[in-house]
N, C-alpha and C. Protein backbone atom coordinates (compact mmCIF):
# COMPACT_ATOMS: atom_id res chain seq x y z
N MET A 1 18.94 -10.13 -30.33
CA MET A 1 19.73 -8.68 -30.00
C MET A 1 21.38 -9.83 -29.97
N PRO A 2 21.92 -8.88 -30.98
CA PRO A 2 23.49 -9.37 -30.28
C PRO A 2 23.94 -8.69 -29.07
N ILE A 3 24.72 -10.08 -28.09
CA ILE A 3 25.63 -8.94 -27.52
C ILE A 3 26.58 -8.51 -27.98
N SER A 4 27.11 -7.16 -27.51
CA SER A 4 28.58 -6.35 -27.45
C SER A 4 29.35 -5.87 -26.94
N ARG A 5 28.62 -6.54 -25.71
CA ARG A 5 29.31 -5.72 -24.51
C ARG A 5 29.40 -7.02 -23.03
N LEU A 6 30.13 -7.33 -22.86
CA LEU A 6 30.77 -8.07 -21.43
C LEU A 6 31.76 -7.50 -20.91
N SER A 7 30.98 -7.45 -19.20
CA SER A 7 31.94 -6.52 -18.14
C SER A 7 32.13 -7.86 -17.00
N ILE A 8 33.59 -8.30 -16.74
CA ILE A 8 33.53 -8.87 -15.58
C ILE A 8 34.91 -8.94 -14.85
N VAL A 9 34.28 -9.13 -13.81
CA VAL A 9 34.73 -9.01 -12.75
C VAL A 9 35.39 -10.61 -12.44
N ALA A 10 36.90 -10.46 -11.91
CA ALA A 10 37.70 -11.39 -11.79
C ALA A 10 38.48 -11.25 -10.41
N PHE A 11 38.49 -12.93 -9.74
CA PHE A 11 38.96 -12.02 -8.11
C PHE A 11 39.71 -13.80 -7.30
N GLN A 12 40.10 -13.96 -6.92
CA GLN A 12 41.00 -14.99 -6.60
C GLN A 12 39.70 -15.36 -4.99
N GLU A 13 39.31 -16.88 -5.21
CA GLU A 13 38.81 -17.33 -3.61
C GLU A 13 39.49 -18.33 -3.42
N THR A 14 40.07 -19.01 -3.54
CA THR A 14 40.32 -19.78 -2.28
C THR A 14 42.35 -19.20 -2.95
N ARG A 15 43.41 -19.64 -2.59
CA ARG A 15 44.66 -20.19 -2.38
C ARG A 15 44.99 -20.29 -4.21
N HIS A 16 44.10 -21.89 -4.83
CA HIS A 16 44.70 -22.24 -6.20
C HIS A 16 43.19 -21.85 -6.54
N THR A 17 41.86 -21.08 -6.73
CA THR A 17 40.99 -20.44 -7.18
C THR A 17 40.97 -19.21 -7.64
N PHE A 18 40.68 -19.00 -9.01
CA PHE A 18 40.00 -17.40 -9.40
C PHE A 18 38.59 -17.49 -9.92
N THR A 19 37.80 -16.84 -9.30
CA THR A 19 36.85 -16.62 -10.31
C THR A 19 36.32 -15.84 -11.35
N ALA A 20 35.61 -15.67 -12.25
CA ALA A 20 35.41 -14.51 -13.16
C ALA A 20 33.85 -14.79 -13.51
N ARG A 21 33.30 -13.66 -13.22
CA ARG A 21 31.78 -13.06 -13.05
C ARG A 21 31.54 -11.92 -14.16
N CYS A 22 30.71 -12.80 -14.77
CA CYS A 22 29.61 -11.80 -15.38
C CYS A 22 28.77 -11.02 -15.32
N LEU A 23 28.49 -9.41 -15.21
CA LEU A 23 27.85 -8.74 -14.72
C LEU A 23 26.75 -8.67 -15.16
N GLU A 24 26.73 -8.36 -16.38
CA GLU A 24 24.78 -8.05 -17.33
C GLU A 24 24.52 -9.17 -17.46
N HIS A 25 25.40 -10.69 -17.27
CA HIS A 25 24.76 -11.92 -17.01
C HIS A 25 25.06 -12.67 -16.13
N ASP A 26 24.93 -13.54 -15.27
CA ASP A 26 24.93 -13.52 -14.07
C ASP A 26 25.52 -14.83 -14.06
N ILE A 27 26.85 -14.79 -14.58
CA ILE A 27 27.35 -16.41 -15.30
C ILE A 27 29.03 -16.34 -14.43
N THR A 28 29.25 -17.19 -13.95
CA THR A 28 30.08 -17.18 -13.38
C THR A 28 31.14 -18.54 -14.07
N ALA A 29 32.40 -18.74 -14.05
CA ALA A 29 33.33 -19.55 -14.06
C ALA A 29 34.81 -19.77 -13.24
N THR A 30 35.46 -20.47 -13.07
CA THR A 30 37.25 -20.47 -12.22
C THR A 30 37.83 -21.37 -13.49
N GLY A 31 39.35 -21.13 -12.61
CA GLY A 31 39.97 -21.33 -13.28
C GLY A 31 41.68 -20.91 -12.14
N ARG A 32 42.26 -21.65 -12.69
CA ARG A 32 43.80 -21.90 -11.71
C ARG A 32 44.23 -20.08 -11.60
N THR A 33 44.12 -19.34 -12.36
CA THR A 33 44.72 -17.86 -13.01
C THR A 33 43.38 -16.82 -13.39
N SER A 34 43.27 -16.25 -13.06
CA SER A 34 42.00 -15.20 -13.29
C SER A 34 42.36 -15.32 -15.13
N GLU A 35 43.40 -15.58 -15.46
CA GLU A 35 43.38 -15.43 -16.57
C GLU A 35 42.55 -16.86 -17.66
N PHE A 36 42.70 -17.60 -16.64
CA PHE A 36 42.04 -19.34 -17.02
C PHE A 36 40.41 -19.20 -16.77
N ALA A 37 40.51 -18.45 -15.57
CA ALA A 37 38.76 -18.15 -15.60
C ALA A 37 38.41 -17.65 -16.08
N VAL A 38 38.86 -15.96 -16.53
CA VAL A 38 38.13 -15.26 -17.63
C VAL A 38 37.83 -16.15 -19.60
N ASP A 39 38.99 -16.98 -19.38
CA ASP A 39 39.06 -17.87 -20.28
C ASP A 39 37.52 -18.76 -20.54
N ALA A 40 37.58 -19.40 -19.38
CA ALA A 40 36.88 -20.80 -19.36
C ALA A 40 34.90 -20.05 -18.85
N LEU A 41 34.89 -18.78 -18.80
CA LEU A 41 33.71 -18.18 -18.79
C LEU A 41 33.49 -17.82 -19.98
N LEU A 42 34.53 -17.00 -20.75
CA LEU A 42 34.25 -16.67 -21.88
C LEU A 42 33.60 -17.87 -23.11
N LYS A 43 34.14 -18.79 -22.77
CA LYS A 43 33.69 -20.05 -23.22
C LYS A 43 32.73 -21.07 -22.89
N ILE A 44 31.76 -20.53 -21.58
CA ILE A 44 30.47 -20.68 -21.06
C ILE A 44 29.28 -19.98 -22.01
N VAL A 45 29.82 -18.60 -21.60
CA VAL A 45 28.80 -17.79 -23.05
C VAL A 45 28.45 -17.98 -23.99
N ARG A 46 29.79 -18.27 -24.82
CA ARG A 46 29.89 -18.58 -26.00
C ARG A 46 28.69 -19.80 -26.63
N ALA A 47 28.85 -20.70 -25.56
CA ALA A 47 27.90 -22.01 -25.89
C ALA A 47 26.96 -21.29 -25.48
N HIS A 48 26.29 -20.60 -24.09
CA HIS A 48 24.75 -20.28 -24.24
C HIS A 48 24.56 -19.37 -25.08
N ILE A 49 25.42 -18.56 -26.20
CA ILE A 49 24.70 -18.12 -26.80
C ILE A 49 24.48 -18.65 -28.11
N ASN A 50 25.47 -19.07 -28.56
CA ASN A 50 24.96 -20.58 -29.39
C ASN A 50 23.81 -20.96 -29.10
N PHE A 51 23.43 -21.97 -28.35
CA PHE A 51 22.67 -22.79 -28.24
C PHE A 51 21.48 -21.52 -27.94
N ASP A 52 21.31 -20.79 -27.67
CA ASP A 52 20.02 -19.58 -27.47
C ASP A 52 19.99 -18.82 -28.89
N CYS A 53 20.89 -19.27 -29.90
CA CYS A 53 20.80 -19.02 -31.28
C CYS A 53 19.82 -20.00 -32.05
N ARG A 54 20.46 -21.40 -31.80
CA ARG A 54 20.03 -22.75 -32.62
C ARG A 54 18.70 -22.81 -32.21
N HIS A 55 18.46 -22.22 -31.03
CA HIS A 55 16.77 -21.92 -30.29
C HIS A 55 15.80 -20.81 -30.25
N ALA A 56 16.06 -19.92 -31.14
CA ALA A 56 15.58 -19.00 -31.79
C ALA A 56 15.06 -18.05 -30.35
N ARG A 57 16.17 -18.09 -29.51
CA ARG A 57 15.72 -17.46 -28.06
C ARG A 57 16.61 -16.29 -28.30
N ALA A 58 16.59 -15.20 -27.33
CA ALA A 58 17.19 -13.46 -27.50
C ALA A 58 18.65 -14.19 -26.74
N PRO A 59 20.12 -14.01 -26.91
CA PRO A 59 21.21 -14.41 -26.07
C PRO A 59 21.31 -13.99 -24.85
N LEU A 60 21.29 -14.93 -24.58
CA LEU A 60 21.62 -15.16 -23.08
C LEU A 60 20.87 -14.59 -21.95
N SER A 61 19.61 -14.36 -22.21
CA SER A 61 18.25 -13.77 -22.06
C SER A 61 18.03 -14.64 -20.63
N ALA A 62 17.98 -15.68 -20.94
CA ALA A 62 17.81 -16.58 -19.22
C ALA A 62 19.10 -16.13 -18.01
N PHE A 63 19.50 -15.34 -18.14
CA PHE A 63 20.51 -14.79 -16.76
C PHE A 63 20.08 -13.59 -16.80
N ALA A 64 19.99 -12.92 -15.50
CA ALA A 64 19.56 -11.86 -14.43
C ALA A 64 21.04 -11.04 -13.96
N PRO A 65 21.08 -10.07 -14.01
CA PRO A 65 22.42 -9.11 -14.15
C PRO A 65 22.90 -9.23 -12.96
N ALA A 66 24.34 -9.44 -12.61
CA ALA A 66 25.01 -9.69 -11.44
C ALA A 66 24.40 -8.99 -9.98
N PRO A 67 23.94 -9.54 -8.99
CA PRO A 67 24.14 -8.23 -7.72
C PRO A 67 25.09 -7.18 -7.93
N ARG A 68 24.63 -6.26 -7.49
CA ARG A 68 25.47 -4.83 -7.11
C ARG A 68 26.73 -4.92 -6.56
N LEU A 69 26.94 -6.08 -5.27
CA LEU A 69 28.26 -5.76 -4.79
C LEU A 69 29.22 -5.88 -5.85
N TYR A 70 29.12 -6.85 -6.83
CA TYR A 70 30.13 -7.00 -8.00
C TYR A 70 30.21 -6.69 -8.99
N TRP A 71 29.30 -5.28 -9.21
CA TRP A 71 29.29 -4.02 -9.97
C TRP A 71 30.52 -2.77 -9.16
N ASP A 72 29.66 -2.83 -8.08
CA ASP A 72 30.50 -2.04 -7.40
C ASP A 72 32.32 -2.54 -7.37
N ALA A 73 32.51 -4.26 -7.23
CA ALA A 73 33.66 -4.43 -6.63
C ALA A 73 34.70 -3.95 -8.52
N PHE A 74 33.22 -3.89 -9.65
CA PHE A 74 34.27 -3.80 -11.04
C PHE A 74 35.08 -2.70 -11.06
N ARG A 75 34.24 -1.20 -10.23
CA ARG A 75 34.60 -0.25 -10.91
C ARG A 75 35.73 0.51 -10.08
N ARG A 76 35.39 -0.87 -8.78
CA ARG A 76 36.94 -0.33 -7.89
C ARG A 76 38.14 -1.50 -8.14
N GLY A 77 37.95 -2.13 -9.24
CA GLY A 77 39.13 -2.87 -9.81
C GLY A 77 40.27 -2.47 -9.58
N SER A 78 41.16 -3.03 -9.43
CA SER A 78 42.93 -1.96 -9.41
C SER A 78 43.85 -2.07 -10.89
N GLN A 79 43.35 -3.73 -11.79
CA GLN A 79 43.69 -3.56 -13.15
C GLN A 79 42.24 -3.71 -14.07
N HIS A 80 42.20 -3.52 -15.63
CA HIS A 80 41.53 -3.46 -16.61
C HIS A 80 41.75 -4.21 -17.40
N TRP A 81 41.56 -5.38 -17.98
CA TRP A 81 41.76 -6.23 -19.34
C TRP A 81 40.79 -5.60 -20.34
N VAL A 82 41.29 -4.38 -20.98
CA VAL A 82 39.32 -4.57 -22.14
C VAL A 82 40.41 -5.13 -23.52
N PHE A 83 39.21 -5.75 -24.04
CA PHE A 83 39.46 -6.70 -25.50
C PHE A 83 38.40 -7.32 -26.30
N ASP A 84 38.54 -7.23 -27.66
CA ASP A 84 37.23 -7.58 -28.59
C ASP A 84 37.48 -9.31 -28.69
N VAL A 85 36.63 -10.07 -28.63
CA VAL A 85 36.02 -11.13 -29.20
C VAL A 85 35.49 -11.70 -30.39
N LEU A 86 35.40 -13.25 -30.33
CA LEU A 86 34.10 -13.04 -30.99
C LEU A 86 33.02 -13.78 -30.30
N ALA A 87 31.69 -13.26 -31.22
CA ALA A 87 30.43 -13.62 -30.47
C ALA A 87 29.52 -14.59 -30.34
N GLU A 88 29.41 -14.69 -31.74
CA GLU A 88 29.03 -15.94 -32.08
C GLU A 88 29.87 -16.76 -32.82
N GLN A 89 29.45 -18.18 -33.08
CA GLN A 89 29.47 -18.60 -34.45
C GLN A 89 29.23 -19.17 -34.50
N THR A 90 27.85 -19.59 -34.27
CA THR A 90 27.19 -19.95 -35.37
C THR A 90 25.85 -19.55 -35.95
N ALA A 91 25.53 -17.78 -35.15
CA ALA A 91 24.81 -17.14 -35.77
C ALA A 91 25.29 -16.37 -37.19
N ALA A 92 24.74 -15.89 -38.44
CA ALA A 92 25.59 -15.32 -38.98
C ALA A 92 24.47 -13.82 -38.91
N PRO A 93 24.53 -12.84 -39.33
CA PRO A 93 26.79 -12.72 -38.99
C PRO A 93 27.81 -12.73 -37.31
N ALA A 94 28.74 -12.92 -37.81
CA ALA A 94 29.32 -13.33 -36.54
C ALA A 94 30.13 -11.97 -36.37
N THR A 95 29.18 -11.84 -35.02
CA THR A 95 29.87 -9.95 -34.49
C THR A 95 31.06 -10.58 -33.32
N ARG A 96 31.40 -9.33 -33.01
CA ARG A 96 32.42 -9.22 -31.51
C ARG A 96 31.98 -8.20 -30.66
N MET A 97 32.82 -8.83 -29.66
CA MET A 97 32.11 -8.63 -28.31
C MET A 97 33.18 -7.90 -27.45
N HIS A 98 32.93 -6.00 -26.85
CA HIS A 98 33.80 -5.65 -26.20
C HIS A 98 33.74 -6.20 -24.93
N VAL A 99 35.21 -6.95 -24.25
CA VAL A 99 34.99 -7.39 -23.15
C VAL A 99 36.04 -6.41 -22.02
N ASP A 100 35.02 -5.84 -21.04
CA ASP A 100 36.02 -5.58 -20.21
C ASP A 100 36.38 -6.29 -18.62
N VAL A 101 37.16 -6.66 -18.41
CA VAL A 101 37.73 -7.22 -17.12
C VAL A 101 38.85 -7.04 -16.19
N ALA A 102 38.18 -6.71 -14.40
CA ALA A 102 38.67 -6.28 -13.66
C ALA A 102 39.06 -6.64 -12.21
N LEU A 103 40.37 -6.61 -12.38
CA LEU A 103 40.91 -7.60 -11.85
C LEU A 103 40.30 -6.92 -10.14
N VAL A 104 40.17 -7.30 -9.23
CA VAL A 104 40.00 -7.00 -8.00
C VAL A 104 40.65 -7.66 -6.90
N ALA A 105 41.27 -7.10 -5.69
CA ALA A 105 41.97 -7.53 -5.10
C ALA A 105 41.52 -8.69 -3.89
N GLN A 106 40.03 -8.96 -3.76
CA GLN A 106 39.10 -9.80 -2.86
C GLN A 106 38.10 -9.95 -3.31
N HIS A 107 37.76 -11.56 -3.00
CA HIS A 107 36.40 -11.85 -2.93
C HIS A 107 35.63 -10.02 -2.75
N PRO A 108 34.58 -9.63 -3.60
CA PRO A 108 33.68 -8.74 -3.42
C PRO A 108 32.71 -8.69 -1.84
N ALA A 109 32.22 -10.19 -1.85
CA ALA A 109 31.27 -10.52 -0.71
C ALA A 109 32.07 -10.41 0.67
N VAL A 110 33.24 -10.34 0.58
CA VAL A 110 34.15 -10.80 1.98
C VAL A 110 34.56 -9.25 2.71
N ARG A 111 34.20 -8.66 3.64
CA ARG A 111 34.10 -6.92 3.91
C ARG A 111 35.39 -7.13 5.03
N PRO A 112 36.37 -6.55 5.03
CA PRO A 112 37.72 -6.12 5.13
C PRO A 112 37.15 -5.88 7.04
N PRO A 113 38.11 -6.41 7.25
CA PRO A 113 37.91 -6.34 9.04
C PRO A 113 37.66 -4.91 9.89
N LEU A 114 37.03 -4.72 10.91
CA LEU A 114 37.10 -3.17 11.70
C LEU A 114 38.21 -3.65 11.97
N ALA A 115 38.86 -1.82 11.88
CA ALA A 115 39.65 -1.76 12.60
C ALA A 115 39.63 -1.33 13.83
N VAL A 116 40.36 -1.71 14.91
CA VAL A 116 40.38 -0.84 16.12
C VAL A 116 40.84 0.11 16.53
N PRO A 117 40.19 1.06 17.29
CA PRO A 117 40.91 2.08 17.75
C PRO A 117 41.70 1.88 18.35
N PRO A 118 42.48 2.59 18.06
CA PRO A 118 44.24 2.77 19.13
C PRO A 118 43.92 2.36 20.66
N GLY A 119 43.55 3.50 20.50
CA GLY A 119 42.54 4.13 22.43
C GLY A 119 41.82 3.03 22.91
N LEU A 120 41.31 2.46 22.30
CA LEU A 120 40.51 1.33 22.82
C LEU A 120 41.02 -0.25 22.73
N ALA A 121 42.21 -0.21 21.80
CA ALA A 121 42.99 -1.42 22.16
C ALA A 121 43.71 -1.87 23.90
N ALA A 122 44.02 -0.45 23.83
CA ALA A 122 45.08 -0.17 25.19
C ALA A 122 44.09 0.03 26.39
N ALA A 123 42.64 0.04 26.39
CA ALA A 123 42.30 -0.09 27.67
C ALA A 123 41.81 -1.25 27.64
N ARG A 124 41.78 -2.43 27.18
CA ARG A 124 40.65 -3.57 26.94
C ARG A 124 41.81 -4.21 28.71
N PRO A 125 41.27 -4.56 29.42
CA PRO A 125 41.99 -5.53 31.14
C PRO A 125 42.32 -6.45 30.34
N SER A 126 43.95 -7.04 30.61
CA SER A 126 44.26 -8.09 30.01
C SER A 126 43.55 -9.31 31.68
N PRO A 127 43.10 -10.34 30.60
CA PRO A 127 42.10 -11.78 31.64
C PRO A 127 42.94 -11.76 32.90
N ALA A 128 42.24 -11.97 33.60
CA ALA A 128 42.93 -12.19 35.81
C ALA A 128 43.09 -13.79 35.51
N VAL A 129 44.66 -13.83 35.84
CA VAL A 129 45.01 -15.22 35.96
C VAL A 129 45.20 -15.50 37.52
N ARG A 130 44.26 -16.23 38.07
CA ARG A 130 43.92 -17.54 39.35
C ARG A 130 45.38 -17.91 39.40
N ILE A 131 45.63 -17.94 40.52
CA ILE A 131 46.68 -18.96 41.00
C ILE A 131 46.07 -19.89 42.02
N ALA A 132 45.91 -20.90 42.46
CA ALA A 132 45.50 -21.51 43.51
C ALA A 132 46.61 -22.17 44.35
């Protein structure tokens, strides 16, 4: 069965590294920009599809879906890019894949710090200083 759709979540991992993660098939790739990360991921996906077709396997059947937190991040994505790419180069006939990329502000596994209620911050005593 050909792959017809890929959902990808892209996020900044470090100052100079972005990660793109496919959701239907848990595959990741990195790059210096989100565009490079997505491009690298699509090249990896194509290579796996071509390998699977040459060996009479269902395309990408070795990969389970990504964890739910990445799906949730995809739904919250601030920007979405949608485009079509050639899915299979060695299999006949070649088919097109619908790709939806969501860019998120931070790594989905990183939780934002908890906000300290205003009254609690003021109620904390300052540390005592001893003068000997």
